[in-house]
Amino acid sequence: MDTVESHLAASGRSPNVVFRSDNNGTVQGLVGAGVGVSVSPLLTVEEDDERIAVVDLQGRIPPRVIGLVWHHDRHRTPAADAFVESATAVCRTLGAEPEAA
């Protein structure tokens, strides 16, 4: 979150952080209750929640970078292969072309 906060501060929009949580449901519940706002990855948001409004920040803050790594000499299980395929498909759906290894 430091990258997002630094970017916002550099643009003159320093956030007033009063609560942090690594529980997505807690954050969304607080936003839904009107306690404040949140900058959260879209993949963590329950968009069907009628108590919240989702604002697309694409192009306004740096994109979130997610990486997958594995040791090149070790066997990848079918489950690991399926996860890589799924993550790649989600990235393409969200408009971020995954980089080749």
Protein backbone atom coordinates (compact mmCIF):
# COMPACT_ATOMS: atom_id res chain seq x y z
CA MET A 1 0.00 0.00 0.00
CA ASP A 2 2.99 2.32 0.38
CA THR A 3 3.18 2.73 -3.41
CA VAL A 4 -0.45 3.86 -3.63
CA GLU A 5 -0.11 6.20 -0.65
CA SER A 6 3.11 7.69 -2.05
CA HIS A 7 1.48 8.23 -5.44
CA LEU A 8 -1.55 9.90 -3.89
CA ALA A 9 0.64 12.12 -1.69
CA ALA A 10 2.73 13.16 -4.69
CA SER A 11 -0.45 14.29 -6.43
CA GLY A 12 -1.53 16.34 -3.40
CA ARG A 13 -4.05 13.82 -2.09
CA SER A 14 -2.55 12.54 1.14
CA PRO A 15 -4.88 9.93 2.62
CA ASN A 16 -5.92 10.12 6.26
CA VAL A 17 -5.53 6.46 7.25
CA VAL A 18 -7.40 5.63 10.45
CA PHE A 19 -7.72 1.86 10.12
CA ARG A 20 -5.89 -0.95 8.31
CA SER A 21 -6.91 -4.56 7.99
CA ASP A 22 -5.77 -7.56 6.01
CA ASN A 23 -9.32 -8.90 6.10
CA ASN A 24 -11.11 -7.85 2.92
CA GLY A 25 -14.56 -8.47 4.39
CA THR A 26 -13.85 -6.19 7.33
CA VAL A 27 -12.68 -3.38 5.07
CA GLN A 28 -15.67 -3.74 2.76
CA GLY A 29 -18.02 -3.89 5.75
CA LEU A 30 -16.63 -0.64 7.13
CA VAL A 31 -16.95 1.05 3.74
CA GLY A 32 -20.49 -0.30 3.38
CA ALA A 33 -21.36 1.07 6.82
CA GLY A 34 -20.20 4.53 5.73
CA VAL A 35 -17.16 4.65 8.01
CA GLY A 36 -14.83 5.64 5.17
CA VAL A 37 -13.38 4.67 1.82
CA SER A 38 -10.84 2.09 0.74
CA VAL A 39 -8.33 1.60 -2.05
CA SER A 40 -8.53 -2.14 -2.63
CA PRO A 41 -7.64 -4.49 -5.48
CA LEU A 42 -10.76 -5.25 -7.51
CA LEU A 43 -10.17 -8.98 -7.05
CA THR A 44 -10.85 -8.54 -3.31
CA VAL A 45 -14.13 -6.61 -3.69
CA GLU A 46 -17.58 -8.19 -3.61
CA GLU A 47 -19.02 -6.01 -6.38
CA ASP A 48 -22.60 -7.22 -5.78
CA ASP A 49 -22.64 -5.46 -2.39
CA GLU A 50 -25.28 -2.73 -2.85
CA ARG A 51 -23.86 -0.74 0.08
CA ILE A 52 -20.71 0.20 -1.81
CA ALA A 53 -19.78 1.98 -5.03
CA VAL A 54 -16.76 0.80 -7.00
CA VAL A 55 -14.68 3.55 -8.60
CA ASP A 56 -12.22 2.46 -11.29
CA LEU A 57 -8.80 3.94 -10.48
CA GLN A 58 -7.06 2.51 -13.55
CA GLY A 59 -4.61 5.10 -14.83
CA ARG A 60 -4.89 7.17 -11.65
CA ILE A 61 -2.67 5.03 -9.43
CA PRO A 62 0.11 2.57 -10.31
CA PRO A 63 -1.16 -0.91 -11.23
CA ARG A 64 -0.80 -3.76 -8.78
CA VAL A 65 1.91 -6.19 -9.83
CA ILE A 66 1.50 -9.87 -9.00
CA GLY A 67 4.27 -12.32 -9.77
CA LEU A 68 4.42 -16.10 -9.94
CA VAL A 69 7.75 -17.83 -9.52
CA TRP A 70 8.96 -21.38 -9.30
CA HIS A 71 12.28 -23.17 -9.37
CA HIS A 72 13.09 -24.13 -12.97
CA ASP A 73 14.59 -27.49 -11.95
CA ARG A 74 11.61 -28.64 -9.94
CA HIS A 75 8.54 -30.45 -11.22
CA ARG A 76 5.35 -28.38 -11.29
CA THR A 77 2.31 -30.36 -10.25
CA PRO A 78 -0.85 -30.37 -12.38
CA ALA A 79 -2.45 -28.17 -9.68
CA ALA A 80 0.38 -25.63 -9.98
CA ASP A 81 0.06 -25.65 -13.78
CA ALA A 82 -3.69 -25.07 -13.47
CA PHE A 83 -3.07 -22.17 -11.08
CA VAL A 84 -0.62 -20.53 -13.51
CA GLU A 85 -3.12 -20.94 -16.35
CA SER A 86 -5.92 -19.48 -14.22
CA ALA A 87 -3.82 -16.51 -13.07
CA THR A 88 -2.78 -15.82 -16.66
CA ALA A 89 -6.42 -15.91 -17.81
CA VAL A 90 -7.50 -13.52 -15.03
CA CYS A 91 -4.69 -11.08 -15.93
CA ARG A 92 -5.77 -11.12 -19.58
CA THR A 93 -9.39 -10.54 -18.56
CA LEU A 94 -8.37 -7.55 -16.45
CA GLY A 95 -6.38 -6.10 -19.33
CA ALA A 96 -2.87 -6.76 -18.08
CA GLU A 97 -0.92 -8.98 -20.42
CA PRO A 98 1.24 -11.33 -18.33
CA GLU A 99 4.98 -11.21 -18.96
CA ALA A 100 6.66 -14.39 -20.17
CA ALA A 101 9.17 -16.10 -17.94
